[in-house]
C-alpha atoms as a PDB file:
ATOM      1  CA  UNK A   1      -0.163   0.131  -0.024  1.00  0.00           C
ATOM      2  CA  UNK A   2       1.655   3.434  -1.044  1.00  0.00           C
ATOM      3  CA  UNK A   3       2.174   5.829   1.528  1.00  0.00           C
ATOM      4  CA  UNK A   4       2.060   3.454   4.515  1.00  0.00           C
ATOM      5  CA  UNK A   5       5.211   2.922   6.656  1.00  0.00           C
ATOM      6  CA  UNK A   6       5.337  -0.594   7.778  1.00  0.00           C
ATOM      7  CA  UNK A   7       6.963  -1.124  11.140  1.00  0.00           C
ATOM      8  CA  UNK A   8       7.662  -4.155  13.232  1.00  0.00           C
ATOM      9  CA  UNK A   9       5.860  -2.529  16.270  1.00  0.00           C
ATOM     10  CA  UNK A  10       2.675  -1.844  14.427  1.00  0.00           C
ATOM     11  CA  UNK A  11       1.572  -5.544  15.809  1.00  0.00           C
ATOM     12  CA  UNK A  12       1.593  -6.152  19.448  1.00  0.00           C
ATOM     13  CA  UNK A  13       4.380  -8.526  20.236  1.00  0.00           C
ATOM     14  CA  UNK A  14       5.308  -9.893  16.765  1.00  0.00           C
ATOM     15  CA  UNK A  15       8.929 -10.912  16.783  1.00  0.00           C
ATOM     16  CA  UNK A  16       9.509 -10.058  20.382  1.00  0.00           C
ATOM     17  CA  UNK A  17       8.568 -12.621  22.896  1.00  0.00           C
ATOM     18  CA  UNK A  18       7.994 -10.478  26.003  1.00  0.00           C
ATOM     19  CA  UNK A  19       5.677  -8.169  24.138  1.00  0.00           C
ATOM     20  CA  UNK A  20       3.838 -11.160  22.819  1.00  0.00           C
ATOM     21  CA  UNK A  21       3.402 -12.403  26.210  1.00  0.00           C
ATOM     22  CA  UNK A  22       2.099  -9.357  27.609  1.00  0.00           C
ATOM     23  CA  UNK A  23       0.302  -8.549  24.901  1.00  0.00           C
ATOM     24  CA  UNK A  24      -1.682 -11.908  25.190  1.00  0.00           C
ATOM     25  CA  UNK A  25      -2.452 -11.330  28.722  1.00  0.00           C
ATOM     26  CA  UNK A  26      -3.976  -7.681  28.188  1.00  0.00           C
ATOM     27  CA  UNK A  27      -5.956  -9.060  25.594  1.00  0.00           C
ATOM     28  CA  UNK A  28      -7.340 -11.663  27.567  1.00  0.00           C
ATOM     29  CA  UNK A  29      -7.683  -9.501  30.668  1.00  0.00           C
ATOM     30  CA  UNK A  30      -9.873  -7.240  28.622  1.00  0.00           C
ATOM     31  CA  UNK A  31     -12.203 -10.078  27.674  1.00  0.00           C
ATOM     32  CA  UNK A  32     -13.221 -10.999  31.230  1.00  0.00           C
ATOM     33  CA  UNK A  33     -16.102  -9.324  32.516  1.00  0.00           C
ATOM     34  CA  UNK A  34     -15.649  -8.381  36.106  1.00  0.00           C
ATOM     35  CA  UNK A  35     -19.176  -9.537  37.217  1.00  0.00           C
ATOM     36  CA  UNK A  36     -18.241 -13.119  35.989  1.00  0.00           C
ATOM     37  CA  UNK A  37     -15.353 -13.118  38.778  1.00  0.00           C
ATOM     38  CA  UNK A  38     -17.765 -11.838  41.621  1.00  0.00           C
ATOM     39  CA  UNK A  39     -16.483  -8.059  41.033  1.00  0.00           C
ATOM     40  CA  UNK A  40     -18.955  -5.120  40.982  1.00  0.00           C
ATOM     41  CA  UNK A  41     -18.639  -3.606  37.394  1.00  0.00           C
ATOM     42  CA  UNK A  42     -19.603  -0.109  38.312  1.00  0.00           C
ATOM     43  CA  UNK A  43     -20.138   2.866  36.086  1.00  0.00           C
ATOM     44  CA  UNK A  44     -16.856   4.488  36.912  1.00  0.00           C
ATOM     45  CA  UNK A  45     -14.649   1.518  35.325  1.00  0.00           C
ATOM     46  CA  UNK A  46     -12.261   3.015  32.879  1.00  0.00           C
ATOM     47  CA  UNK A  47     -11.284  -0.587  31.630  1.00  0.00           C
ATOM     48  CA  UNK A  48     -13.797  -3.091  29.763  1.00  0.00           C
ATOM     49  CA  UNK A  49     -12.365  -6.082  31.540  1.00  0.00           C
ATOM     50  CA  UNK A  50     -10.272  -6.683  34.661  1.00  0.00           C
ATOM     51  CA  UNK A  51      -7.785  -4.194  36.099  1.00  0.00           C
ATOM     52  CA  UNK A  52      -4.141  -5.323  36.270  1.00  0.00           C
ATOM     53  CA  UNK A  53      -4.450  -5.396  39.920  1.00  0.00           C
ATOM     54  CA  UNK A  54      -7.685  -7.514  40.079  1.00  0.00           C
ATOM     55  CA  UNK A  55      -6.193  -9.898  37.966  1.00  0.00           C
ATOM     56  CA  UNK A  56      -2.876 -10.155  39.974  1.00  0.00           C
ATOM     57  CA  UNK A  57      -5.279 -10.601  43.139  1.00  0.00           C
ATOM     58  CA  UNK A  58      -7.293 -13.649  41.328  1.00  0.00           C
ATOM     59  CA  UNK A  59      -4.056 -14.962  40.246  1.00  0.00           C
ATOM     60  CA  UNK A  60      -2.370 -14.981  43.548  1.00  0.00           C
ATOM     61  CA  UNK A  61       0.547 -12.908  42.407  1.00  0.00           C
ATOM     62  CA  UNK A  62       1.923  -9.534  43.264  1.00  0.00           C
ATOM     63  CA  UNK A  63       0.513  -6.689  41.373  1.00  0.00           C
ATOM     64  CA  UNK A  64       4.281  -5.371  40.375  1.00  0.00           C
ATOM     65  CA  UNK A  65       4.970  -8.875  39.200  1.00  0.00           C
ATOM     66  CA  UNK A  66       1.918  -9.105  36.886  1.00  0.00           C
ATOM     67  CA  UNK A  67       2.864  -5.355  35.524  1.00  0.00           C
ATOM     68  CA  UNK A  68       6.143  -6.469  34.733  1.00  0.00           C
ATOM     69  CA  UNK A  69       4.841  -9.463  32.767  1.00  0.00           C
ATOM     70  CA  UNK A  70       2.524  -7.245  31.012  1.00  0.00           C
ATOM     71  CA  UNK A  71       5.083  -4.895  30.159  1.00  0.00           C
ATOM     72  CA  UNK A  72       7.365  -7.560  29.118  1.00  0.00           C
ATOM     73  CA  UNK A  73      10.005  -6.814  31.704  1.00  0.00           C
ATOM     74  CA  UNK A  74       9.322 -10.171  33.299  1.00  0.00           C
ATOM     75  CA  UNK A  75       9.597 -13.307  31.027  1.00  0.00           C
ATOM     76  CA  UNK A  76       9.333 -17.153  31.745  1.00  0.00           C
ATOM     77  CA  UNK A  77       6.884 -17.182  34.410  1.00  0.00           C
ATOM     78  CA  UNK A  78       6.958 -20.360  36.364  1.00  0.00           C
ATOM     79  CA  UNK A  79       4.343 -23.262  35.528  1.00  0.00           C
ATOM     80  CA  UNK A  80       2.493 -22.279  38.792  1.00  0.00           C
ATOM     81  CA  UNK A  81       1.943 -18.793  37.927  1.00  0.00           C
ATOM     82  CA  UNK A  82       0.992 -19.551  34.535  1.00  0.00           C
ATOM     83  CA  UNK A  83      -1.759 -22.147  35.559  1.00  0.00           C
ATOM     84  CA  UNK A  84      -3.053 -19.441  38.206  1.00  0.00           C
ATOM     85  CA  UNK A  85      -3.257 -16.933  35.403  1.00  0.00           C
ATOM     86  CA  UNK A  86      -5.001 -19.504  32.829  1.00  0.00           C
ATOM     87  CA  UNK A  87      -7.613 -20.222  35.640  1.00  0.00           C
ATOM     88  CA  UNK A  88      -8.047 -16.626  36.485  1.00  0.00           C
ATOM     89  CA  UNK A  89      -8.548 -15.658  32.862  1.00  0.00           C
ATOM     90  CA  UNK A  90     -10.748 -18.677  32.213  1.00  0.00           C
ATOM     91  CA  UNK A  91      -8.225 -19.917  29.178  1.00  0.00           C
ATOM     92  CA  UNK A  92      -9.415 -22.755  27.157  1.00  0.00           C
ATOM     93  CA  UNK A  93      -7.099 -25.708  26.102  1.00  0.00           C
ATOM     94  CA  UNK A  94      -5.775 -24.060  23.003  1.00  0.00           C
ATOM     95  CA  UNK A  95      -5.308 -20.633  24.812  1.00  0.00           C
ATOM     96  CA  UNK A  96      -3.326 -22.209  27.714  1.00  0.00           C
ATOM     97  CA  UNK A  97      -1.097 -24.162  25.063  1.00  0.00           C
ATOM     98  CA  UNK A  98      -0.477 -20.657  23.578  1.00  0.00           C
ATOM     99  CA  UNK A  99       0.375 -19.155  26.877  1.00  0.00           C
ATOM    100  CA  UNK A 100       2.952 -21.615  27.849  1.00  0.00           C
ATOM    101  CA  UNK A 101       4.396 -21.279  24.492  1.00  0.00           C
ATOM    102  CA  UNK A 102       4.948 -17.742  24.776  1.00  0.00           C
ATOM    103  CA  UNK A 103       6.260 -18.233  28.157  1.00  0.00           C
ATOM    104  CA  UNK A 104       8.743 -20.872  26.954  1.00  0.00           C
ATOM    105  CA  UNK A 105       9.831 -18.087  24.379  1.00  0.00           C
ATOM    106  CA  UNK A 106       8.841 -20.061  21.401  1.00  0.00           C
ATOM    107  CA  UNK A 107       9.892 -23.195  19.710  1.00  0.00           C
ATOM    108  CA  UNK A 108      13.151 -22.434  18.091  1.00  0.00           C
ATOM    109  CA  UNK A 109      14.140 -21.146  14.666  1.00  0.00           C
ATOM    110  CA  UNK A 110      11.176 -21.328  11.963  1.00  0.00           C
ATOM    111  CA  UNK A 111      11.214 -24.550   9.838  1.00  0.00           C
ATOM    112  CA  UNK A 112      10.828 -24.636   6.391  1.00  0.00           C
ATOM    113  CA  UNK A 113       7.875 -26.597   4.529  1.00  0.00           C
ATOM    114  CA  UNK A 114       8.531 -29.664   2.510  1.00  0.00           C
ATOM    115  CA  UNK A 115       5.757 -31.503   0.801  1.00  0.00           C
ATOM    116  CA  UNK A 116       6.748 -35.262   0.254  1.00  0.00           C
ATOM    117  CA  UNK A 117       6.014 -37.241  -2.976  1.00  0.00           C
ATOM    118  CA  UNK A 118       3.628 -39.411  -0.574  1.00  0.00           C
ATOM    119  CA  UNK A 119       1.562 -36.451   0.388  1.00  0.00           C
ATOM    120  CA  UNK A 120       1.192 -35.397  -3.103  1.00  0.00           C
ATOM    121  CA  UNK A 121       0.124 -38.849  -4.103  1.00  0.00           C
ATOM    122  CA  UNK A 122      -2.429 -39.103  -1.099  1.00  0.00           C
ATOM    123  CA  UNK A 123      -3.916 -35.664  -2.394  1.00  0.00           C
ATOM    124  CA  UNK A 124      -4.557 -36.468  -6.002  1.00  0.00           C
ATOM    125  CA  UNK A 125      -5.903 -39.990  -4.864  1.00  0.00           C
ATOM    126  CA  UNK A 126      -8.264 -38.562  -2.741  1.00  0.00           C
ATOM    127  CA  UNK A 127      -9.745 -36.762  -5.802  1.00  0.00           C
ATOM    128  CA  UNK A 128     -13.519 -36.953  -4.600  1.00  0.00           C
ATOM    129  CA  UNK A 129     -12.587 -35.012  -1.623  1.00  0.00           C
ATOM    130  CA  UNK A 130     -11.401 -31.405  -1.976  1.00  0.00           C
ATOM    131  CA  UNK A 131      -8.256 -31.049   0.002  1.00  0.00           C
ATOM    132  CA  UNK A 132      -5.394 -28.814   0.311  1.00  0.00           C
ATOM    133  CA  UNK A 133      -2.153 -28.287   2.728  1.00  0.00           C
ATOM    134  CA  UNK A 134      -0.990 -25.553   4.612  1.00  0.00           C
ATOM    135  CA  UNK A 135       2.183 -24.621   6.463  1.00  0.00           C
ATOM    136  CA  UNK A 136       2.549 -22.563   9.749  1.00  0.00           C
ATOM    137  CA  UNK A 137       2.479 -19.195   7.867  1.00  0.00           C
ATOM    138  CA  UNK A 138      -0.925 -20.235   5.967  1.00  0.00           C
ATOM    139  CA  UNK A 139       0.490 -20.535   2.758  1.00  0.00           C
ATOM    140  CA  UNK A 140      -0.839 -23.259   0.536  1.00  0.00           C
ATOM    141  CA  UNK A 141       1.662 -25.687  -0.254  1.00  0.00           C
ATOM    142  CA  UNK A 142      -0.240 -28.527  -1.970  1.00  0.00           C
ATOM    143  CA  UNK A 143      -3.420 -29.183  -3.220  1.00  0.00           C
ATOM    144  CA  UNK A 144      -5.685 -31.455  -5.264  1.00  0.00           C
ATOM    145  CA  UNK A 145      -7.639 -30.517  -8.506  1.00  0.00           C
ATOM    146  CA  UNK A 146     -11.110 -30.233  -6.464  1.00  0.00           C
ATOM    147  CA  UNK A 147      -9.593 -28.404  -3.620  1.00  0.00           C
ATOM    148  CA  UNK A 148      -7.767 -25.771  -6.071  1.00  0.00           C
ATOM    149  CA  UNK A 149     -11.238 -25.082  -7.943  1.00  0.00           C
ATOM    150  CA  UNK A 150     -13.650 -25.125  -4.769  1.00  0.00           C
ATOM    151  CA  UNK A 151     -10.939 -22.563  -2.846  1.00  0.00           C
ATOM    152  CA  UNK A 152     -10.664 -19.736  -5.748  1.00  0.00           C
ATOM    153  CA  UNK A 153      -8.153 -21.407  -8.081  1.00  0.00           C
ATOM    154  CA  UNK A 154      -5.129 -22.494  -6.130  1.00  0.00           C
ATOM    155  CA  UNK A 155      -3.416 -23.870  -9.000  1.00  0.00           C
ATOM    156  CA  UNK A 156      -3.540 -20.518 -11.018  1.00  0.00           C
ATOM    157  CA  UNK A 157      -1.206 -17.961  -9.209  1.00  0.00           C
ATOM    158  CA  UNK A 158      -2.848 -15.372 -11.197  1.00  0.00           C
ATOM    159  CA  UNK A 159      -6.354 -16.171  -9.998  1.00  0.00           C
ATOM    160  CA  UNK A 160      -5.671 -15.640  -6.049  1.00  0.00           C
ATOM    161  CA  UNK A 161      -2.999 -15.333  -3.618  1.00  0.00           C
ATOM    162  CA  UNK A 162      -1.725 -18.833  -2.063  1.00  0.00           C
ATOM    163  CA  UNK A 163      -1.416 -17.331   1.052  1.00  0.00           C
ATOM    164  CA  UNK A 164      -4.512 -17.960   2.785  1.00  0.00           C
ATOM    165  CA  UNK A 165      -4.664 -14.794   4.910  1.00  0.00           C
ATOM    166  CA  UNK A 166      -3.629 -12.536   2.258  1.00  0.00           C
ATOM    167  CA  UNK A 167      -6.483 -14.172   0.110  1.00  0.00           C
ATOM    168  CA  UNK A 168      -8.604 -13.399   3.158  1.00  0.00           C
ATOM    169  CA  UNK A 169      -7.925  -9.801   3.755  1.00  0.00           C
ATOM    170  CA  UNK A 170      -6.691  -8.468   0.628  1.00  0.00           C
ATOM    171  CA  UNK A 171      -8.709 -10.077  -1.958  1.00  0.00           C
ATOM    172  CA  UNK A 172     -12.442  -9.095  -2.411  1.00  0.00           C
ATOM    173  CA  UNK A 173     -13.028 -12.428  -4.088  1.00  0.00           C
ATOM    174  CA  UNK A 174     -12.525 -14.239  -0.666  1.00  0.00           C
ATOM    175  CA  UNK A 175     -15.967 -13.084   0.656  1.00  0.00           C
ATOM    176  CA  UNK A 176     -17.481 -14.945  -2.327  1.00  0.00           C
ATOM    177  CA  UNK A 177     -15.814 -18.062  -1.817  1.00  0.00           C
ATOM    178  CA  UNK A 178     -16.322 -18.034   2.145  1.00  0.00           C
ATOM    179  CA  UNK A 179     -19.733 -16.185   2.758  1.00  0.00           C
ATOM    180  CA  UNK A 180     -19.426 -16.400   6.365  1.00  0.00           C
ATOM    181  CA  UNK A 181     -16.314 -14.487   6.034  1.00  0.00           C
ATOM    182  CA  UNK A 182     -15.983 -13.210   9.647  1.00  0.00           C
ATOM    183  CA  UNK A 183     -15.092 -16.519  11.213  1.00  0.00           C
ATOM    184  CA  UNK A 184     -13.207 -17.522   8.513  1.00  0.00           C
ATOM    185  CA  UNK A 185     -10.906 -14.423   8.933  1.00  0.00           C
ATOM    186  CA  UNK A 186     -10.792 -14.890  12.644  1.00  0.00           C
ATOM    187  CA  UNK A 187      -9.561 -18.457  12.118  1.00  0.00           C
ATOM    188  CA  UNK A 188      -6.823 -17.066  10.256  1.00  0.00           C
ATOM    189  CA  UNK A 189      -5.744 -14.603  12.644  1.00  0.00           C
ATOM    190  CA  UNK A 190      -5.959 -17.141  15.315  1.00  0.00           C
ATOM    191  CA  UNK A 191      -3.728 -19.487  13.652  1.00  0.00           C
ATOM    192  CA  UNK A 192      -1.202 -16.788  12.818  1.00  0.00           C
ATOM    193  CA  UNK A 193      -0.805 -15.573  16.327  1.00  0.00           C
ATOM    194  CA  UNK A 194      -0.431 -19.413  17.432  1.00  0.00           C
ATOM    195  CA  UNK A 195       2.527 -19.634  14.970  1.00  0.00           C
ATOM    196  CA  UNK A 196       4.045 -16.219  15.995  1.00  0.00           C
ATOM    197  CA  UNK A 197       4.473 -17.383  19.281  1.00  0.00           C
ATOM    198  CA  UNK A 198       5.752 -20.862  18.475  1.00  0.00           C
ATOM    199  CA  UNK A 199       8.286 -18.886  16.085  1.00  0.00           C
ATOM    200  CA  UNK A 200       9.114 -15.498  17.072  1.00  0.00           C
ATOM    201  CA  UNK A 201      12.002 -15.428  15.035  1.00  0.00           C
ATOM    202  CA  UNK A 202      10.526 -16.182  11.922  1.00  0.00           C
ATOM    203  CA  UNK A 203      11.115 -13.110   9.672  1.00  0.00           C
ATOM    204  CA  UNK A 204       8.781 -14.364   6.900  1.00  0.00           C
ATOM    205  CA  UNK A 205       5.980 -14.660   9.417  1.00  0.00           C
ATOM    206  CA  UNK A 206       6.444 -11.406  11.171  1.00  0.00           C
ATOM    207  CA  UNK A 207       6.523  -9.711   7.581  1.00  0.00           C
ATOM    208  CA  UNK A 208       3.360 -11.083   6.712  1.00  0.00           C
ATOM    209  CA  UNK A 209       1.655 -10.093   9.876  1.00  0.00           C
ATOM    210  CA  UNK A 210       2.993  -6.559   9.921  1.00  0.00           C
ATOM    211  CA  UNK A 211       2.101  -6.361   6.171  1.00  0.00           C
ATOM    212  CA  UNK A 212      -1.611  -7.467   6.821  1.00  0.00           C
ATOM    213  CA  UNK A 213      -1.726  -4.757   9.733  1.00  0.00           C
ATOM    214  CA  UNK A 214      -0.622  -2.149   7.475  1.00  0.00           C
ATOM    215  CA  UNK A 215      -3.063  -2.570   4.834  1.00  0.00           C
ATOM    216  CA  UNK A 216      -6.108  -4.230   6.420  1.00  0.00           C
ATOM    217  CA  UNK A 217      -8.215  -2.413   9.229  1.00  0.00           C
ATOM    218  CA  UNK A 218     -10.161  -5.518   9.717  1.00  0.00           C
ATOM    219  CA  UNK A 219      -6.958  -7.511  10.418  1.00  0.00           C
ATOM    220  CA  UNK A 220      -5.750  -5.056  12.888  1.00  0.00           C
ATOM    221  CA  UNK A 221      -9.254  -5.204  14.630  1.00  0.00           C
ATOM    222  CA  UNK A 222      -9.357  -8.934  14.681  1.00  0.00           C
ATOM    223  CA  UNK A 223      -5.672  -9.202  15.791  1.00  0.00           C
ATOM    224  CA  UNK A 224      -6.293  -7.035  18.777  1.00  0.00           C
ATOM    225  CA  UNK A 225      -8.894  -9.356  20.177  1.00  0.00           C
ATOM    226  CA  UNK A 226      -6.021 -11.743  21.097  1.00  0.00           C
ATOM    227  CA  UNK A 227      -7.909 -14.899  19.643  1.00  0.00           C
ATOM    228  CA  UNK A 228      -6.286 -18.371  19.696  1.00  0.00           C
ATOM    229  CA  UNK A 229      -7.098 -21.034  17.133  1.00  0.00           C
ATOM    230  CA  UNK A 230      -6.004 -24.500  16.283  1.00  0.00           C
ATOM    231  CA  UNK A 231      -6.908 -26.299  13.340  1.00  0.00           C
ATOM    232  CA  UNK A 232      -9.921 -28.577  14.359  1.00  0.00           C
ATOM    233  CA  UNK A 233     -12.974 -30.024  12.408  1.00  0.00           C
ATOM    234  CA  UNK A 234     -16.554 -28.969  11.759  1.00  0.00           C
ATOM    235  CA  UNK A 235     -18.742 -27.433   8.969  1.00  0.00           C
ATOM    236  CA  UNK A 236     -18.074 -24.807   6.631  1.00  0.00           C
ATOM    237  CA  UNK A 237     -20.123 -22.830   4.306  1.00  0.00           C
ATOM    238  CA  UNK A 238     -18.619 -22.194   0.807  1.00  0.00           C
ATOM    239  CA  UNK A 239     -19.613 -20.594  -2.711  1.00  0.00           C
ATOM    240  CA  UNK A 240     -18.798 -21.701  -6.140  1.00  0.00           C
ATOM    241  CA  UNK A 241     -19.846 -20.089  -9.393  1.00  0.00           C
ATOM    242  CA  UNK A 242     -20.626 -23.564 -10.797  1.00  0.00           C
ATOM    243  CA  UNK A 243     -21.519 -25.728  -7.729  1.00  0.00           C
ATOM    244  CA  UNK A 244     -23.401 -22.902  -6.005  1.00  0.00           C
ATOM    245  CA  UNK A 245     -23.580 -22.626  -2.296  1.00  0.00           C
ATOM    246  CA  UNK A 246     -22.105 -25.615  -0.240  1.00  0.00           C
ATOM    247  CA  UNK A 247     -22.130 -26.761   3.385  1.00  0.00           C
ATOM    248  CA  UNK A 248     -19.362 -29.142   4.006  1.00  0.00           C
ATOM    249  CA  UNK A 249     -17.970 -31.057   6.720  1.00  0.00           C
ATOM    250  CA  UNK A 250     -13.975 -30.755   7.203  1.00  0.00           C
ATOM    251  CA  UNK A 251     -11.246 -32.448   8.806  1.00  0.00           C
ATOM    252  CA  UNK A 252      -7.583 -31.236   9.659  1.00  0.00           C
ATOM    253  CA  UNK A 253      -4.983 -34.057   9.540  1.00  0.00           C
ATOM    254  CA  UNK A 254      -1.550 -33.095  10.764  1.00  0.00           C
ATOM    255  CA  UNK A 255       1.469 -34.276   9.075  1.00  0.00           C
ATOM    256  CA  UNK A 256       4.488 -34.622  11.719  1.00  0.00           C
ATOM    257  CA  UNK A 257       7.465 -32.690  10.779  1.00  0.00           C
ATOM    258  CA  UNK A 258      11.014 -34.078  10.105  1.00  0.00           C
ATOM    259  CA  UNK A 259      14.082 -32.253  11.880  1.00  0.00           C
ATOM    260  CA  UNK A 260      14.133 -28.952  10.299  1.00  0.00           C
ATOM    261  CA  UNK A 261      11.026 -28.867   8.699  1.00  0.00           C
ATOM    262  CA  UNK A 262       7.460 -27.641   9.752  1.00  0.00           C
ATOM    263  CA  UNK A 263       4.805 -29.799  10.214  1.00  0.00           C
ATOM    264  CA  UNK A 264       1.899 -29.471   7.696  1.00  0.00           C
ATOM    265  CA  UNK A 265      -2.087 -29.179   8.370  1.00  0.00           C
ATOM    266  CA  UNK A 266      -4.321 -30.982   5.507  1.00  0.00           C
ATOM    267  CA  UNK A 267      -7.304 -29.662   5.293  1.00  0.00           C
ATOM    268  CA  UNK A 268      -9.979 -32.224   3.725  1.00  0.00           C
ATOM    269  CA  UNK A 269     -13.481 -31.564   2.749  1.00  0.00           C
ATOM    270  CA  UNK A 270     -16.462 -33.763   2.236  1.00  0.00           C
ATOM    271  CA  UNK A 271     -20.449 -34.078   1.591  1.00  0.00           C
ATOM    272  CA  UNK A 272     -22.984 -36.645   2.877  1.00  0.00           C
ATOM    273  CA  UNK A 273     -23.592 -39.102   0.397  1.00  0.00           C
ATOM    274  CA  UNK A 274     -26.727 -38.720  -1.601  1.00  0.00           C
ATOM    275  CA  UNK A 275     -26.774 -35.221  -0.302  1.00  0.00           C
ATOM    276  CA  UNK A 276     -27.482 -31.995  -2.379  1.00  0.00           C
ATOM    277  CA  UNK A 277     -23.825 -30.896  -1.634  1.00  0.00           C
ATOM    278  CA  UNK A 278     -22.543 -34.359  -3.053  1.00  0.00           C
ATOM    279  CA  UNK A 279     -24.691 -33.665  -6.046  1.00  0.00           C
ATOM    280  CA  UNK A 280     -22.798 -30.366  -6.353  1.00  0.00           C
ATOM    281  CA  UNK A 281     -19.245 -31.662  -6.160  1.00  0.00           C
ATOM    282  CA  UNK A 282     -19.986 -34.193  -8.648  1.00  0.00           C
ATOM    283  CA  UNK A 283     -21.096 -31.485 -11.325  1.00  0.00           C
ATOM    284  CA  UNK A 284     -17.809 -29.594 -10.470  1.00  0.00           C
ATOM    285  CA  UNK A 285     -15.729 -32.397 -10.950  1.00  0.00           C
ATOM    286  CA  UNK A 286     -17.091 -33.403 -14.035  1.00  0.00           C
ATOM    287  CA  UNK A 287     -17.049 -29.633 -15.244  1.00  0.00           C
END
């Protein structure tokens, strides 16, 4: 974007473990309603969630130590402190894991993605199931024909960006592919946050997040919420110009990493046999 100065401090905590830990704690603290932990909300409160001293009291730690954690001046808190903070903030399993990763200062150097010949053969063999594989930066690194077509033309780099986050936030076509755009966008941001916590030294990942922050107000808004998302399973709504609107089941399959490589995530979609969605996918395959 012309005229925009992209700086590393545009996004809270990217590339800085201390700031990432503090930013995550701050975002989660803002989420907790005082009345949900037995505190009076009151009209004169200047924060929408808990005050620092309130969270410190709930977690059983000193206010000064908590302030230093949030400001990035204290790092690597003990497991006991992390557990107390997680309980006070009512973190779910994914959020607890992310907090522990941040406290441990990540998982080492950023790995590189490698798509094995076997994985490519598996994707091709699963031709009836739209599928694609992503790395920790949300780069789509492999796909089958049906997956390519259903998700905006992955096989043709001229049709869409192969990074799912850039596609979602910088390409208007994403809103046609994903009619429920907001939850898909939130998933992407939450996954990038997890990756940034694991690999704080990944310059490519930091550059991607910073660029999206500079170019997309919606990305900045969602990032500020501090959401954490790990790939799972469920149902998603899609739209295709030939197949029409589709509601498909999906599973995420994790491919283990070899030393020095990143584990990949394979996203597989399917429709119930005999359903309208199955018929629509059959039409798409034949086209």
